[in-house]
Amino acid sequence: MHERERWQAILEQVRQRAVMPVRDLAGLLDASPATLRRDLTKLAEMGLLRRVHGAVEAVSQDDRPQLATRSFDVSRTLNGARKRVIARAAVDLCRDGESIIINGGTTTGQMIEFLRPRRLHILTNSFPVAEALVHDSENRIVLPGGEIYREQNVIVSPFDDDSIQHYTASKMFMSALSIGPLGVIEGDPLLARAEAKLLKRAADLIVLADSSKFEPRGNMAVAPLSRIHTLITDDAAPASGLAMLRDAGVRVIIAQDEEAMIHAA
């Protein structure tokens, strides 16, 4: 991760939580303690945050209008290693020749590497997924019509009656801003609407959510827990969150590492 990307991710976390423990930042960014100390010192010198004992805190809020969700560039810097093993576990659930849907997101975006050798029919509103697989795979790619939503690198159609209405898929793979008692939660109404439209075209919903996604965020419910067939997470997911899913009848897959890839429960 480049220095400027780390700075952007750090400032985003501080804006969201006001006071952010340094140990939490280190875990999210996969950065060494020395690198993180240098970043925090520079940001403090620029007046963008304030160092406090064991943490950093916000100095002021940006007055520019912001989306109610993280940008794609910020999100992809967080929990990258966990997202990768989750994405690999997701692709392992696919069979060649199957029709699937992939929503735009940084965890679903990690599926690209593992999808390259496959032969699937893929509907996606993710511009990075489509671009990568068109150029470097034998998968068949379908895109919805619409405008590219730059903050999240997704394609959003303003029309209900668009090109995806006749597409059917056995599975939809979805990232999320958070997971809670009300189900899959997003932070922006445009993203929530786009995902809800895609979900209508799929039989089973498979959610890709690293352990940080069990913290409450966002206010747009996309799908209730009862709609989720399977959720894939990592081995740091909170026990209370896993119990909530299992009580709702959701199959939970814990993606651990590339050696002992999946433990299903």
Protein backbone atom coordinates (compact mmCIF):
# COMPACT_ATOMS: atom_id res chain seq x y z
CA MET A 1 0.00 0.00 0.00
CA HIS A 2 1.33 3.43 -0.93
CA GLU A 3 1.89 6.11 1.68
CA ARG A 4 -0.93 8.34 0.42
CA GLU A 5 -3.36 5.41 0.42
CA ARG A 6 -2.49 4.65 4.05
CA TRP A 7 -2.97 8.30 4.99
CA GLN A 8 -6.38 8.36 3.34
CA ALA A 9 -7.40 5.17 5.13
CA ILE A 10 -6.16 6.48 8.50
CA LEU A 11 -8.06 9.76 8.15
CA GLU A 12 -11.23 7.92 7.12
CA GLN A 13 -11.07 5.76 10.23
CA VAL A 14 -10.48 8.78 12.49
CA ARG A 15 -13.42 10.63 10.91
CA GLN A 16 -15.69 7.66 11.60
CA ARG A 17 -14.68 6.98 15.19
CA ALA A 18 -13.34 10.35 16.40
CA VAL A 19 -10.85 8.55 18.68
CA MET A 20 -9.09 5.57 17.10
CA PRO A 21 -6.75 3.25 19.07
CA VAL A 22 -3.43 2.81 17.30
CA ARG A 23 -3.58 -0.97 17.75
CA ASP A 24 -6.88 -1.02 15.82
CA LEU A 25 -5.35 0.97 12.98
CA ALA A 26 -2.41 -1.42 12.80
CA GLY A 27 -4.75 -4.40 12.46
CA LEU A 28 -6.88 -2.77 9.77
CA LEU A 29 -4.02 -1.52 7.63
CA ASP A 30 -1.66 -4.52 7.89
CA ALA A 31 1.13 -1.95 8.42
CA SER A 32 4.21 -2.39 10.58
CA PRO A 33 4.32 -0.42 13.87
CA ALA A 34 7.25 1.64 12.58
CA THR A 35 5.46 2.56 9.35
CA LEU A 36 2.30 3.46 11.21
CA ARG A 37 4.19 5.66 13.69
CA ARG A 38 5.78 7.57 10.81
CA ASP A 39 2.40 8.05 9.12
CA LEU A 40 0.74 9.30 12.31
CA THR A 41 3.60 11.69 13.05
CA LYS A 42 3.37 13.23 9.57
CA LEU A 43 -0.43 13.55 9.70
CA ALA A 44 -0.21 15.16 13.14
CA GLU A 45 2.44 17.61 11.89
CA MET A 46 0.09 18.57 9.06
CA GLY A 47 -2.68 19.23 11.56
CA LEU A 48 -4.93 16.48 10.17
CA LEU A 49 -5.18 14.53 13.44
CA ARG A 50 -4.00 14.70 17.04
CA ARG A 51 -1.89 12.09 18.86
CA VAL A 52 -3.18 11.04 22.27
CA HIS A 53 -2.01 8.24 24.56
CA GLY A 54 -2.37 4.99 22.60
CA ALA A 55 -4.69 6.55 20.05
CA VAL A 56 -5.31 9.33 17.55
CA GLU A 57 -8.29 11.67 17.41
CA ALA A 58 -10.00 13.86 14.88
CA VAL A 59 -9.11 17.55 14.78
CA SER A 60 -11.93 18.77 12.57
CA GLN A 61 -14.53 17.46 10.17
CA ASP A 62 -14.27 17.97 6.43
CA ASP A 63 -17.06 20.30 5.31
CA ARG A 64 -17.24 18.88 1.82
CA PRO A 65 -20.22 16.62 1.05
CA GLN A 66 -19.35 12.97 1.65
CA LEU A 67 -20.98 9.72 0.66
CA ALA A 68 -22.47 7.77 3.54
CA THR A 69 -20.07 4.93 2.75
CA ARG A 70 -16.34 4.53 2.28
CA SER A 71 -14.80 5.13 -1.11
CA PHE A 72 -13.50 2.10 -3.02
CA ASP A 73 -9.88 3.25 -2.65
CA VAL A 74 -10.15 3.52 1.12
CA SER A 75 -12.03 0.24 1.58
CA ARG A 76 -9.55 -1.82 -0.40
CA THR A 77 -6.74 -0.82 1.98
CA LEU A 78 -8.52 -2.33 5.00
CA ASN A 79 -8.21 -5.99 6.04
CA GLY A 80 -6.74 -6.99 2.68
CA ALA A 81 -5.39 -10.38 3.79
CA ARG A 82 -8.71 -11.39 5.34
CA LYS A 83 -10.64 -10.30 2.28
CA ARG A 84 -8.40 -12.39 0.05
CA VAL A 85 -9.01 -15.67 1.87
CA ILE A 86 -12.74 -14.92 2.04
CA ALA A 87 -12.78 -14.29 -1.72
CA ARG A 88 -10.97 -17.56 -2.41
CA ALA A 89 -13.49 -19.46 -0.32
CA ALA A 90 -16.29 -17.80 -2.29
CA VAL A 91 -14.90 -18.85 -5.67
CA ASP A 92 -14.49 -22.40 -4.36
CA LEU A 93 -18.30 -22.53 -4.14
CA CYS A 94 -18.66 -21.97 -7.91
CA ARG A 95 -18.92 -24.64 -10.60
CA ASP A 96 -17.75 -24.02 -14.16
CA GLY A 97 -20.68 -23.22 -16.41
CA GLU A 98 -22.68 -21.70 -13.55
CA SER A 99 -24.34 -18.29 -13.79
CA ILE A 100 -23.49 -16.00 -10.89
CA ILE A 101 -23.80 -12.35 -9.86
CA ILE A 102 -21.03 -10.32 -8.19
CA ASN A 103 -21.79 -6.95 -6.67
CA GLY A 104 -19.32 -4.10 -6.53
CA GLY A 105 -17.11 -4.14 -3.44
CA THR A 106 -13.54 -4.56 -2.32
CA THR A 107 -14.05 -8.07 -0.89
CA THR A 108 -15.87 -9.31 -3.98
CA GLY A 109 -13.18 -7.55 -6.00
CA GLN A 110 -10.64 -9.93 -4.48
CA MET A 111 -12.43 -12.75 -6.29
CA ILE A 112 -10.83 -11.65 -9.56
CA GLU A 113 -7.59 -13.54 -9.00
CA PHE A 114 -9.39 -16.82 -8.32
CA LEU A 115 -11.95 -16.38 -11.10
CA ARG A 116 -9.36 -16.02 -13.87
CA PRO A 117 -8.96 -19.78 -14.54
CA ARG A 118 -12.72 -20.44 -14.31
CA ARG A 119 -15.46 -20.57 -16.97
CA LEU A 120 -18.54 -18.89 -15.55
CA HIS A 121 -21.35 -16.62 -16.70
CA ILE A 122 -20.94 -13.51 -14.54
CA LEU A 123 -23.27 -10.54 -14.18
CA THR A 124 -21.52 -7.77 -12.28
CA ASN A 125 -22.00 -4.09 -11.60
CA SER A 126 -18.35 -3.88 -10.54
CA PHE A 127 -16.29 -2.03 -13.13
CA PRO A 128 -12.95 -3.44 -11.85
CA VAL A 129 -14.26 -7.04 -11.88
CA ALA A 130 -15.62 -6.70 -15.41
CA GLU A 131 -12.52 -5.00 -16.79
CA ALA A 132 -10.10 -7.53 -15.31
CA LEU A 133 -12.02 -10.65 -16.34
CA VAL A 134 -12.82 -9.46 -19.86
CA HIS A 135 -9.12 -9.04 -20.59
CA ASP A 136 -7.70 -12.01 -18.72
CA SER A 137 -10.15 -14.91 -18.46
CA GLU A 138 -12.61 -17.06 -20.39
CA ASN A 139 -15.56 -16.12 -18.21
CA ARG A 140 -18.55 -14.56 -19.97
CA ILE A 141 -19.25 -11.11 -18.55
CA VAL A 142 -22.57 -9.26 -18.50
CA LEU A 143 -22.87 -5.63 -17.37
CA PRO A 144 -26.02 -3.75 -16.40
CA GLY A 145 -26.68 -0.51 -18.23
CA GLY A 146 -26.20 2.71 -16.31
CA GLU A 147 -23.73 5.27 -15.06
CA ILE A 148 -20.41 4.51 -13.40
CA TYR A 149 -20.58 5.51 -9.74
CA ARG A 150 -16.98 6.65 -9.30
CA GLU A 151 -16.74 6.54 -5.50
CA GLN A 152 -17.38 2.78 -5.48
CA ASN A 153 -16.45 1.84 -9.07
CA VAL A 154 -19.92 0.38 -9.66
CA ILE A 155 -22.42 0.79 -12.47
CA VAL A 156 -25.79 2.12 -11.34
CA SER A 157 -28.89 2.16 -13.54
CA PRO A 158 -31.64 4.69 -12.79
CA PHE A 159 -34.28 2.41 -14.36
CA ASP A 160 -36.12 -0.58 -12.91
CA ASP A 161 -36.74 -2.00 -16.37
CA ASP A 162 -33.15 -2.44 -17.54
CA SER A 163 -30.92 -5.01 -19.20
CA ILE A 164 -30.63 -7.37 -16.22
CA GLN A 165 -34.34 -8.14 -15.86
CA HIS A 166 -34.04 -11.41 -17.83
CA TYR A 167 -30.82 -12.64 -16.23
CA THR A 168 -31.02 -15.49 -13.73
CA ALA A 169 -28.26 -16.77 -11.48
CA SER A 170 -27.83 -19.59 -9.00
CA LYS A 171 -25.75 -17.44 -6.63
CA MET A 172 -25.10 -13.79 -5.87
CA PHE A 173 -21.87 -12.84 -4.09
CA MET A 174 -22.28 -9.62 -2.12
CA SER A 175 -19.98 -7.42 -0.07
CA ALA A 176 -21.57 -5.25 2.62
CA LEU A 177 -20.82 -2.23 4.76
CA SER A 178 -21.95 -4.19 7.82
CA ILE A 179 -23.94 -7.20 9.05
CA GLY A 180 -26.43 -6.91 11.90
CA PRO A 181 -29.76 -8.18 13.22
CA LEU A 182 -31.55 -6.49 10.31
CA GLY A 183 -29.34 -8.24 7.78
CA VAL A 184 -27.05 -6.80 5.11
CA ILE A 185 -26.56 -3.07 5.66
CA GLU A 186 -25.24 -0.42 3.27
CA GLY A 187 -24.51 3.24 3.89
CA ASP A 188 -25.62 4.80 0.62
CA PRO A 189 -29.11 4.56 -0.94
CA LEU A 190 -27.80 4.30 -4.51
CA LEU A 191 -25.66 1.30 -3.62
CA ALA A 192 -28.47 -0.30 -1.63
CA ARG A 193 -30.88 0.09 -4.55
CA ALA A 194 -28.40 -1.35 -7.04
CA GLU A 195 -27.74 -4.38 -4.84
CA ALA A 196 -31.43 -5.00 -4.20
CA LYS A 197 -32.07 -5.08 -7.97
CA LEU A 198 -29.29 -7.59 -8.54
CA LEU A 199 -30.51 -9.72 -5.66
CA LYS A 200 -33.87 -10.24 -7.39
CA ARG A 201 -32.08 -12.15 -10.15
CA ALA A 202 -30.35 -14.71 -7.87
CA ALA A 203 -31.50 -17.85 -6.09
CA ASP A 204 -28.97 -17.90 -3.22
CA LEU A 205 -27.30 -14.92 -1.56
CA ILE A 206 -23.73 -15.44 -0.39
CA VAL A 207 -22.34 -12.58 1.69
CA LEU A 208 -18.60 -11.91 1.96
CA ALA A 209 -17.94 -10.06 5.22
CA ASP A 210 -14.67 -9.87 7.12
CA SER A 211 -14.74 -9.74 10.92
CA SER A 212 -14.79 -5.91 11.02
CA LYS A 213 -18.19 -5.88 9.30
CA PHE A 214 -19.97 -6.98 12.49
CA GLU A 215 -19.59 -3.46 13.91
CA PRO A 216 -22.75 -1.35 13.43
CA ARG A 217 -22.49 0.99 10.43
CA GLY A 218 -24.84 2.31 7.79
CA ASN A 219 -28.61 2.65 7.79
CA MET A 220 -29.84 1.07 4.55
CA ALA A 221 -31.05 -2.52 4.92
CA VAL A 222 -30.52 -4.41 1.65
CA ALA A 223 -31.52 -7.95 2.64
CA PRO A 224 -32.74 -9.55 5.89
CA LEU A 225 -30.83 -12.39 7.53
CA SER A 226 -33.50 -14.79 6.28
CA ARG A 227 -32.46 -14.00 2.67
CA ILE A 228 -28.81 -14.95 3.27
CA HIS A 229 -28.00 -18.53 2.31
CA THR A 230 -24.30 -18.44 3.27
CA LEU A 231 -21.97 -15.93 4.90
CA ILE A 232 -18.20 -16.22 4.56
CA THR A 233 -16.04 -14.49 7.14
CA ASP A 234 -12.65 -14.90 8.83
CA ASP A 235 -11.62 -16.53 12.08
CA ALA A 236 -11.66 -13.23 14.01
CA ALA A 237 -15.43 -12.83 13.61
CA PRO A 238 -17.15 -12.24 16.98
CA ALA A 239 -18.90 -15.21 18.56
CA SER A 240 -22.06 -13.14 19.09
CA GLY A 241 -22.23 -12.29 15.41
CA LEU A 242 -21.77 -15.92 14.36
CA ALA A 243 -24.47 -17.03 16.81
CA MET A 244 -26.83 -14.40 15.41
CA LEU A 245 -26.33 -15.78 11.90
CA ARG A 246 -26.69 -19.43 12.87
CA ASP A 247 -29.83 -18.70 14.88
CA ALA A 248 -31.28 -17.17 11.70
CA GLY A 249 -30.50 -20.33 9.73
CA VAL A 250 -27.54 -18.87 7.83
CA ARG A 251 -24.75 -21.24 6.83
CA VAL A 252 -21.45 -19.82 8.12
CA ILE A 253 -18.10 -20.52 6.47
CA ILE A 254 -14.92 -19.48 8.26
CA ALA A 255 -12.13 -18.78 5.76
CA GLN A 256 -8.89 -19.25 7.66
CA ASP A 257 -5.86 -19.36 5.38
CA GLU A 258 -4.69 -20.91 2.15
CA GLU A 259 -3.37 -24.04 3.83
CA ALA A 260 -6.46 -25.03 5.80
CA MET A 261 -8.87 -23.08 3.69
CA ILE A 262 -12.37 -23.55 5.01
CA HIS A 263 -14.04 -24.74 8.16
CA ALA A 264 -17.78 -24.96 7.66
CA ALA A 265 -20.26 -24.81 10.50
